[in-house]
Amino acid sequence: MWMAIATMLVAALVIPVVINTQMAVTSYEMYADQQELSQLQDYHADLVTRAREAQSPQKLAEKAKELGLVPAGNPGYISIEAGTITAGEPAK
């Protein structure tokens, strides 16, 4: 009988310590995961900003110029109804 009471007393003291330890470990893991998530969100926002900048008309024009491309000239038109062809202008 005394052994059962002693076991229950030890269990009553040990179980809260184990639970608190597990809660502390879980809390630390959550904090670390939140920090990682914050860093990934910042990285994602940076990538979105860089992608938008790269898609801007000015950046596209700069990149095209670096590649040796030139702006297109005015297009020509064909009118089937009138049977006429309007000449365009070549790229410069």
N, C-alpha and C. Protein backbone atom coordinates (compact mmCIF):
# COMPACT_ATOMS: atom_id res chain seq x y z
N MET A 1 0.81 -1.19 0.00
CA MET A 1 0.00 0.00 0.00
C MET A 1 0.87 1.27 0.00
N TRP A 2 1.90 1.25 0.85
CA TRP A 2 2.80 2.40 0.90
C TRP A 2 3.53 2.57 -0.43
N MET A 3 3.79 1.45 -1.07
CA MET A 3 4.50 1.48 -2.35
C MET A 3 3.62 2.15 -3.42
N ALA A 4 2.34 1.86 -3.40
CA ALA A 4 1.41 2.46 -4.35
C ALA A 4 1.30 3.97 -4.12
N ILE A 5 1.24 4.36 -2.89
CA ILE A 5 1.15 5.79 -2.56
C ILE A 5 2.43 6.51 -2.97
N ALA A 6 3.57 5.89 -2.72
CA ALA A 6 4.86 6.49 -3.11
C ALA A 6 4.95 6.61 -4.63
N THR A 7 4.50 5.58 -5.33
CA THR A 7 4.53 5.61 -6.79
C THR A 7 3.63 6.73 -7.31
N MET A 8 2.46 6.88 -6.75
CA MET A 8 1.55 7.93 -7.16
C MET A 8 2.13 9.31 -6.86
N LEU A 9 2.81 9.45 -5.74
CA LEU A 9 3.43 10.72 -5.39
C LEU A 9 4.55 11.07 -6.36
N VAL A 10 5.38 10.09 -6.69
CA VAL A 10 6.47 10.31 -7.65
C VAL A 10 5.89 10.66 -9.01
N ALA A 11 4.84 9.92 -9.42
CA ALA A 11 4.20 10.19 -10.71
C ALA A 11 3.61 11.59 -10.72
N ALA A 12 3.00 11.99 -9.61
CA ALA A 12 2.40 13.32 -9.52
C ALA A 12 3.45 14.42 -9.61
N LEU A 13 4.66 14.14 -9.22
CA LEU A 13 5.74 15.13 -9.31
C LEU A 13 6.45 15.10 -10.65
N VAL A 14 6.60 13.91 -11.23
CA VAL A 14 7.37 13.75 -12.46
C VAL A 14 6.55 14.15 -13.69
N ILE A 15 5.28 13.79 -13.73
CA ILE A 15 4.45 14.05 -14.91
C ILE A 15 4.38 15.54 -15.25
N PRO A 16 4.15 16.44 -14.32
CA PRO A 16 4.14 17.88 -14.68
C PRO A 16 5.49 18.37 -15.21
N VAL A 17 6.58 17.83 -14.67
CA VAL A 17 7.91 18.23 -15.15
C VAL A 17 8.09 17.79 -16.60
N VAL A 18 7.69 16.57 -16.91
CA VAL A 18 7.80 16.05 -18.27
C VAL A 18 6.92 16.86 -19.22
N ILE A 19 5.70 17.17 -18.78
CA ILE A 19 4.78 17.94 -19.62
C ILE A 19 5.33 19.35 -19.86
N ASN A 20 5.85 19.99 -18.81
CA ASN A 20 6.43 21.34 -18.97
C ASN A 20 7.64 21.33 -19.89
N THR A 21 8.46 20.30 -19.77
CA THR A 21 9.63 20.19 -20.64
C THR A 21 9.19 20.03 -22.09
N GLN A 22 8.19 19.19 -22.33
CA GLN A 22 7.71 18.99 -23.69
C GLN A 22 7.08 20.28 -24.24
N MET A 23 6.38 21.01 -23.40
CA MET A 23 5.80 22.27 -23.83
C MET A 23 6.88 23.29 -24.18
N ALA A 24 7.97 23.31 -23.41
CA ALA A 24 9.07 24.23 -23.69
C ALA A 24 9.74 23.87 -25.01
N VAL A 25 9.94 22.58 -25.25
CA VAL A 25 10.54 22.14 -26.52
C VAL A 25 9.65 22.52 -27.69
N THR A 26 8.35 22.28 -27.54
CA THR A 26 7.41 22.61 -28.61
C THR A 26 7.37 24.12 -28.85
N SER A 27 7.42 24.89 -27.78
CA SER A 27 7.43 26.35 -27.90
C SER A 27 8.67 26.82 -28.65
N TYR A 28 9.82 26.26 -28.33
CA TYR A 28 11.06 26.64 -29.03
C TYR A 28 10.97 26.27 -30.50
N GLU A 29 10.44 25.10 -30.81
CA GLU A 29 10.30 24.68 -32.21
C GLU A 29 9.37 25.62 -32.96
N MET A 30 8.28 26.02 -32.31
CA MET A 30 7.35 26.96 -32.95
C MET A 30 8.03 28.30 -33.21
N TYR A 31 8.80 28.77 -32.25
CA TYR A 31 9.52 30.04 -32.43
C TYR A 31 10.50 29.94 -33.60
N ALA A 32 11.24 28.85 -33.66
CA ALA A 32 12.20 28.66 -34.76
C ALA A 32 11.47 28.60 -36.10
N ASP A 33 10.34 27.91 -36.15
CA ASP A 33 9.56 27.82 -37.38
C ASP A 33 9.00 29.17 -37.79
N GLN A 34 8.57 29.97 -36.81
CA GLN A 34 8.07 31.31 -37.11
C GLN A 34 9.18 32.20 -37.66
N GLN A 35 10.38 32.06 -37.12
CA GLN A 35 11.51 32.83 -37.63
C GLN A 35 11.82 32.43 -39.07
N GLU A 36 11.82 31.14 -39.33
CA GLU A 36 12.08 30.64 -40.69
C GLU A 36 11.00 31.13 -41.65
N LEU A 37 9.74 31.07 -41.22
CA LEU A 37 8.64 31.54 -42.05
C LEU A 37 8.80 33.03 -42.36
N SER A 38 9.18 33.81 -41.37
CA SER A 38 9.38 35.24 -41.58
C SER A 38 10.49 35.49 -42.60
N GLN A 39 11.57 34.75 -42.50
CA GLN A 39 12.67 34.90 -43.46
C GLN A 39 12.22 34.51 -44.86
N LEU A 40 11.46 33.42 -44.97
CA LEU A 40 10.98 32.98 -46.28
C LEU A 40 10.00 33.98 -46.87
N GLN A 41 9.17 34.59 -46.04
CA GLN A 41 8.24 35.61 -46.54
C GLN A 41 9.00 36.83 -47.04
N ASP A 42 10.05 37.23 -46.32
CA ASP A 42 10.87 38.35 -46.78
C ASP A 42 11.55 38.02 -48.11
N TYR A 43 12.07 36.80 -48.21
CA TYR A 43 12.73 36.36 -49.45
C TYR A 43 11.72 36.35 -50.60
N HIS A 44 10.52 35.86 -50.35
CA HIS A 44 9.48 35.82 -51.37
C HIS A 44 9.12 37.23 -51.83
N ALA A 45 8.96 38.14 -50.88
CA ALA A 45 8.63 39.53 -51.22
C ALA A 45 9.75 40.15 -52.06
N ASP A 46 11.00 39.84 -51.73
CA ASP A 46 12.13 40.34 -52.50
C ASP A 46 12.11 39.79 -53.92
N LEU A 47 11.81 38.49 -54.06
CA LEU A 47 11.75 37.89 -55.39
C LEU A 47 10.61 38.49 -56.23
N VAL A 48 9.47 38.74 -55.60
CA VAL A 48 8.35 39.34 -56.32
C VAL A 48 8.72 40.75 -56.79
N THR A 49 9.37 41.50 -55.92
CA THR A 49 9.79 42.86 -56.29
C THR A 49 10.78 42.82 -57.45
N ARG A 50 11.75 41.92 -57.37
CA ARG A 50 12.75 41.81 -58.44
C ARG A 50 12.11 41.37 -59.76
N ALA A 51 11.13 40.46 -59.68
CA ALA A 51 10.45 39.99 -60.89
C ALA A 51 9.65 41.13 -61.52
N ARG A 52 8.98 41.92 -60.68
CA ARG A 52 8.21 43.06 -61.22
C ARG A 52 9.12 44.10 -61.85
N GLU A 53 10.26 44.34 -61.23
CA GLU A 53 11.21 45.30 -61.81
C GLU A 53 11.74 44.79 -63.14
N ALA A 54 12.01 43.49 -63.23
CA ALA A 54 12.53 42.92 -64.47
C ALA A 54 11.50 42.96 -65.58
N GLN A 55 10.21 42.99 -65.23
CA GLN A 55 9.16 43.01 -66.24
C GLN A 55 8.75 44.42 -66.65
N SER A 56 9.34 45.43 -66.05
CA SER A 56 8.96 46.80 -66.37
C SER A 56 9.37 47.13 -67.80
N PRO A 57 8.63 48.00 -68.47
CA PRO A 57 8.96 48.35 -69.86
C PRO A 57 10.38 48.90 -70.01
N GLN A 58 10.85 49.67 -69.03
CA GLN A 58 12.19 50.23 -69.12
C GLN A 58 13.25 49.12 -69.10
N LYS A 59 13.09 48.16 -68.17
CA LYS A 59 14.07 47.07 -68.07
C LYS A 59 14.03 46.20 -69.32
N LEU A 60 12.82 45.94 -69.83
CA LEU A 60 12.71 45.14 -71.05
C LEU A 60 13.37 45.84 -72.23
N ALA A 61 13.19 47.16 -72.32
CA ALA A 61 13.84 47.92 -73.40
C ALA A 61 15.36 47.88 -73.25
N GLU A 62 15.86 48.02 -72.03
CA GLU A 62 17.31 47.95 -71.80
C GLU A 62 17.86 46.58 -72.21
N LYS A 63 17.15 45.53 -71.79
CA LYS A 63 17.61 44.17 -72.11
C LYS A 63 17.58 43.93 -73.61
N ALA A 64 16.53 44.41 -74.28
CA ALA A 64 16.44 44.25 -75.73
C ALA A 64 17.59 44.97 -76.43
N LYS A 65 17.92 46.17 -75.93
CA LYS A 65 19.02 46.94 -76.52
C LYS A 65 20.35 46.20 -76.32
N GLU A 66 20.54 45.60 -75.13
CA GLU A 66 21.75 44.81 -74.87
C GLU A 66 21.87 43.63 -75.83
N LEU A 67 20.73 43.07 -76.21
CA LEU A 67 20.73 41.93 -77.12
C LEU A 67 20.83 42.34 -78.58
N GLY A 68 20.85 43.65 -78.84
CA GLY A 68 20.99 44.14 -80.21
C GLY A 68 19.67 44.29 -80.93
N LEU A 69 18.57 44.23 -80.24
CA LEU A 69 17.26 44.39 -80.87
C LEU A 69 16.97 45.87 -81.04
N VAL A 70 16.17 46.19 -82.05
CA VAL A 70 15.79 47.58 -82.31
C VAL A 70 14.27 47.66 -82.33
N PRO A 71 13.70 48.84 -82.09
CA PRO A 71 12.25 48.98 -82.13
C PRO A 71 11.73 48.71 -83.54
N ALA A 72 10.56 48.13 -83.61
CA ALA A 72 9.95 47.84 -84.90
C ALA A 72 9.47 49.13 -85.54
N GLY A 73 9.44 49.12 -86.87
CA GLY A 73 8.91 50.26 -87.61
C GLY A 73 7.40 50.17 -87.66
N ASN A 74 6.78 51.14 -88.35
CA ASN A 74 5.33 51.11 -88.49
C ASN A 74 4.93 49.93 -89.37
N PRO A 75 3.87 49.21 -88.99
CA PRO A 75 3.47 48.05 -89.78
C PRO A 75 2.76 48.46 -91.07
N GLY A 76 2.79 47.57 -92.03
CA GLY A 76 2.04 47.78 -93.28
C GLY A 76 0.66 47.16 -93.13
N TYR A 77 -0.25 47.53 -94.01
CA TYR A 77 -1.62 47.03 -93.96
C TYR A 77 -2.04 46.53 -95.32
N ILE A 78 -2.86 45.49 -95.30
CA ILE A 78 -3.47 44.97 -96.52
C ILE A 78 -4.97 45.11 -96.36
N SER A 79 -5.60 45.78 -97.29
CA SER A 79 -7.05 45.92 -97.27
C SER A 79 -7.62 45.01 -98.34
N ILE A 80 -8.30 43.96 -97.92
CA ILE A 80 -8.87 43.01 -98.87
C ILE A 80 -10.04 43.65 -99.60
N GLU A 81 -10.85 44.41 -98.91
CA GLU A 81 -12.02 45.04 -99.54
C GLU A 81 -11.61 46.02 -100.63
N ALA A 82 -10.62 46.88 -100.33
CA ALA A 82 -10.19 47.88 -101.31
C ALA A 82 -9.14 47.32 -102.25
N GLY A 83 -8.53 46.18 -101.90
CA GLY A 83 -7.49 45.59 -102.73
C GLY A 83 -6.22 46.40 -102.73
N THR A 84 -5.92 47.07 -101.63
CA THR A 84 -4.72 47.91 -101.56
C THR A 84 -3.75 47.39 -100.52
N ILE A 85 -2.50 47.75 -100.71
CA ILE A 85 -1.45 47.41 -99.75
C ILE A 85 -0.77 48.72 -99.35
N THR A 86 -0.74 48.98 -98.07
CA THR A 86 -0.06 50.16 -97.55
C THR A 86 1.29 49.70 -96.99
N ALA A 87 2.35 50.25 -97.52
CA ALA A 87 3.69 49.83 -97.10
C ALA A 87 3.99 50.33 -95.69
N GLY A 88 4.70 49.52 -94.94
CA GLY A 88 5.14 49.92 -93.61
C GLY A 88 6.55 50.46 -93.68
N GLU A 89 7.13 50.70 -92.52
CA GLU A 89 8.51 51.18 -92.44
C GLU A 89 9.36 50.10 -91.79
N PRO A 90 10.57 49.91 -92.25
CA PRO A 90 11.44 48.91 -91.63
C PRO A 90 11.96 49.39 -90.28
N ALA A 91 12.42 48.45 -89.50
CA ALA A 91 13.01 48.79 -88.19
C ALA A 91 14.29 49.57 -88.43
N LYS A 92 14.60 50.46 -87.53
CA LYS A 92 15.81 51.31 -87.68
C LYS A 92 16.87 50.85 -86.72
